[in-house]
């Protein structure tokens, strides 16, 4: 599966790396997922857009 979608994985990784560092956001559950103080984020709409560029059906189900 990874081999099949490698181009998509690479496109999402490049989009993520191009983002600026931001303070780490809390998970919706309130838990922590990292000890780092900064992270890079892609919002759901950007991910859905990238997937659609590769003809992979995707939709936002919650906040997107």
N, C-alpha and C. Protein backbone atom coordinates (compact mmCIF):
# COMPACT_ATOMS: atom_id res chain seq x y z
N UNK A 1 0.82 -1.18 0.00
CA UNK A 1 0.00 0.00 0.00
C UNK A 1 0.88 1.26 0.00
N UNK A 2 1.94 1.24 0.79
CA UNK A 2 2.84 2.39 0.82
C UNK A 2 3.44 2.61 -0.56
N UNK A 3 3.86 1.53 -1.20
CA UNK A 3 4.44 1.66 -2.55
C UNK A 3 3.41 2.23 -3.52
N UNK A 4 2.19 1.77 -3.41
CA UNK A 4 1.12 2.22 -4.31
C UNK A 4 0.87 3.73 -4.15
N UNK A 5 0.90 4.23 -2.93
CA UNK A 5 0.58 5.63 -2.66
C UNK A 5 1.81 6.48 -2.32
N UNK A 6 3.00 6.02 -2.70
CA UNK A 6 4.20 6.76 -2.34
C UNK A 6 4.16 8.20 -2.84
N UNK A 7 3.66 8.44 -4.04
CA UNK A 7 3.59 9.82 -4.57
C UNK A 7 2.71 10.70 -3.69
N UNK A 8 1.65 10.16 -3.16
CA UNK A 8 0.76 10.92 -2.27
C UNK A 8 1.46 11.20 -0.95
N UNK A 9 2.11 10.19 -0.40
CA UNK A 9 2.84 10.35 0.85
C UNK A 9 3.90 11.44 0.69
N UNK A 10 4.61 11.39 -0.42
CA UNK A 10 5.65 12.37 -0.68
C UNK A 10 5.07 13.79 -0.84
N UNK A 11 3.95 13.91 -1.53
CA UNK A 11 3.32 15.22 -1.72
C UNK A 11 2.86 15.80 -0.38
N UNK A 12 2.27 14.97 0.47
CA UNK A 12 1.83 15.44 1.79
C UNK A 12 3.03 15.80 2.66
N UNK A 13 4.09 15.02 2.57
CA UNK A 13 5.30 15.32 3.35
C UNK A 13 5.90 16.65 2.92
N UNK A 14 5.96 16.90 1.61
CA UNK A 14 6.51 18.16 1.12
C UNK A 14 5.64 19.34 1.57
N UNK A 15 4.33 19.17 1.52
CA UNK A 15 3.43 20.24 1.96
C UNK A 15 3.61 20.51 3.45
N UNK A 16 3.80 19.45 4.21
CA UNK A 16 4.00 19.59 5.65
C UNK A 16 5.33 20.26 5.96
N UNK A 17 6.38 19.86 5.28
CA UNK A 17 7.70 20.45 5.52
C UNK A 17 7.75 21.92 5.15
N UNK A 18 6.92 22.34 4.20
CA UNK A 18 6.90 23.73 3.78
C UNK A 18 6.21 24.64 4.81
N UNK A 19 5.47 24.06 5.73
CA UNK A 19 4.74 24.84 6.74
C UNK A 19 5.70 25.41 7.78
N UNK A 20 5.26 26.47 8.44
CA UNK A 20 6.03 27.06 9.53
C UNK A 20 5.80 26.27 10.82
N UNK A 21 6.78 26.33 11.70
CA UNK A 21 6.64 25.71 13.02
C UNK A 21 5.61 26.49 13.83
N UNK A 22 4.81 25.78 14.62
CA UNK A 22 3.79 26.37 15.48
C UNK A 22 3.87 25.73 16.86
N UNK A 23 3.35 26.41 17.87
CA UNK A 23 3.28 25.77 19.18
C UNK A 23 2.45 24.48 19.09
N UNK A 24 2.84 23.48 19.83
CA UNK A 24 2.12 22.20 19.84
C UNK A 24 0.70 22.43 20.32
N UNK A 25 -0.26 21.85 19.61
CA UNK A 25 -1.67 21.97 19.98
C UNK A 25 -2.09 20.74 20.77
N UNK A 26 -2.98 20.94 21.70
CA UNK A 26 -3.49 19.82 22.49
C UNK A 26 -4.40 18.95 21.63
N UNK A 27 -4.42 17.66 21.92
CA UNK A 27 -5.35 16.76 21.26
C UNK A 27 -6.77 17.06 21.74
N UNK A 28 -7.75 16.71 20.92
CA UNK A 28 -9.15 16.93 21.33
C UNK A 28 -9.46 16.22 22.64
N UNK A 29 -8.79 15.11 22.88
CA UNK A 29 -9.01 14.35 24.11
C UNK A 29 -8.40 15.04 25.33
N UNK A 30 -7.56 16.04 25.08
CA UNK A 30 -6.90 16.72 26.18
C UNK A 30 -5.54 16.12 26.50
N UNK A 31 -5.24 14.98 25.89
CA UNK A 31 -3.96 14.32 26.13
C UNK A 31 -2.84 14.99 25.37
N UNK A 32 -1.63 14.58 25.68
CA UNK A 32 -0.47 15.09 24.95
C UNK A 32 0.06 13.99 24.04
N UNK A 33 0.62 14.39 22.92
CA UNK A 33 1.12 13.42 21.97
C UNK A 33 2.62 13.56 21.74
N UNK A 34 3.22 14.59 22.30
CA UNK A 34 4.66 14.78 22.11
C UNK A 34 5.22 15.61 23.25
N UNK A 35 6.52 15.50 23.42
CA UNK A 35 7.18 16.33 24.43
C UNK A 35 7.75 17.60 23.79
N UNK A 36 7.67 17.69 22.47
CA UNK A 36 8.17 18.88 21.76
C UNK A 36 7.29 20.08 22.08
N UNK A 37 7.82 21.25 21.84
CA UNK A 37 7.04 22.47 22.07
C UNK A 37 6.52 23.06 20.77
N UNK A 38 7.05 22.60 19.62
CA UNK A 38 6.61 23.09 18.33
C UNK A 38 6.34 21.93 17.38
N UNK A 39 5.47 22.16 16.41
CA UNK A 39 5.12 21.14 15.42
C UNK A 39 4.68 21.83 14.14
N UNK A 40 4.53 21.05 13.08
CA UNK A 40 3.99 21.56 11.82
C UNK A 40 2.68 20.84 11.58
N UNK A 41 1.69 21.58 11.08
CA UNK A 41 0.35 21.03 10.90
C UNK A 41 -0.16 21.25 9.49
N UNK A 42 -0.92 20.30 8.99
CA UNK A 42 -1.71 20.47 7.78
C UNK A 42 -3.16 20.34 8.20
N UNK A 43 -3.98 21.28 7.78
CA UNK A 43 -5.40 21.19 8.11
C UNK A 43 -6.06 20.18 7.20
N UNK A 44 -7.17 19.64 7.64
CA UNK A 44 -7.87 18.60 6.90
C UNK A 44 -8.17 18.96 5.46
N UNK A 45 -8.56 20.21 5.22
CA UNK A 45 -8.89 20.64 3.86
C UNK A 45 -7.69 20.51 2.92
N UNK A 46 -6.49 20.82 3.41
CA UNK A 46 -5.28 20.69 2.59
C UNK A 46 -4.99 19.23 2.29
N UNK A 47 -5.17 18.39 3.27
CA UNK A 47 -4.94 16.95 3.07
C UNK A 47 -5.94 16.41 2.05
N UNK A 48 -7.20 16.75 2.22
CA UNK A 48 -8.24 16.29 1.29
C UNK A 48 -7.92 16.78 -0.13
N UNK A 49 -7.50 18.02 -0.25
CA UNK A 49 -7.15 18.58 -1.55
C UNK A 49 -6.00 17.81 -2.20
N UNK A 50 -4.96 17.53 -1.44
CA UNK A 50 -3.83 16.77 -1.97
C UNK A 50 -4.26 15.37 -2.40
N UNK A 51 -5.09 14.71 -1.60
CA UNK A 51 -5.55 13.38 -1.96
C UNK A 51 -6.38 13.40 -3.23
N UNK A 52 -7.23 14.39 -3.37
CA UNK A 52 -8.05 14.51 -4.58
C UNK A 52 -7.19 14.77 -5.81
N UNK A 53 -6.07 15.50 -5.63
CA UNK A 53 -5.15 15.71 -6.76
C UNK A 53 -4.63 14.39 -7.31
N UNK A 54 -4.56 13.40 -6.47
CA UNK A 54 -4.09 12.07 -6.87
C UNK A 54 -5.25 11.11 -7.13
N UNK A 55 -6.44 11.68 -7.24
CA UNK A 55 -7.67 10.90 -7.52
C UNK A 55 -7.97 9.86 -6.44
N UNK A 56 -7.68 10.23 -5.20
CA UNK A 56 -8.03 9.39 -4.06
C UNK A 56 -9.22 10.05 -3.39
N UNK A 57 -10.36 9.37 -3.35
CA UNK A 57 -11.55 9.99 -2.76
C UNK A 57 -11.33 10.27 -1.26
N UNK A 58 -11.63 11.50 -0.89
CA UNK A 58 -11.48 11.88 0.51
C UNK A 58 -12.46 13.00 0.81
N UNK A 59 -12.97 13.01 2.04
CA UNK A 59 -13.86 14.07 2.50
C UNK A 59 -13.52 14.39 3.95
N UNK A 60 -13.84 15.59 4.36
CA UNK A 60 -13.69 15.96 5.76
C UNK A 60 -14.94 15.50 6.51
N UNK A 61 -14.75 14.88 7.65
CA UNK A 61 -15.90 14.39 8.41
C UNK A 61 -16.20 15.25 9.63
N UNK A 62 -15.19 15.91 10.15
CA UNK A 62 -15.39 16.81 11.29
C UNK A 62 -14.85 18.16 10.91
N UNK A 63 -14.28 18.84 11.85
CA UNK A 63 -13.68 20.15 11.56
C UNK A 63 -12.65 20.00 10.47
N UNK A 64 -12.86 20.71 9.39
CA UNK A 64 -11.95 20.57 8.27
C UNK A 64 -11.69 21.89 7.69
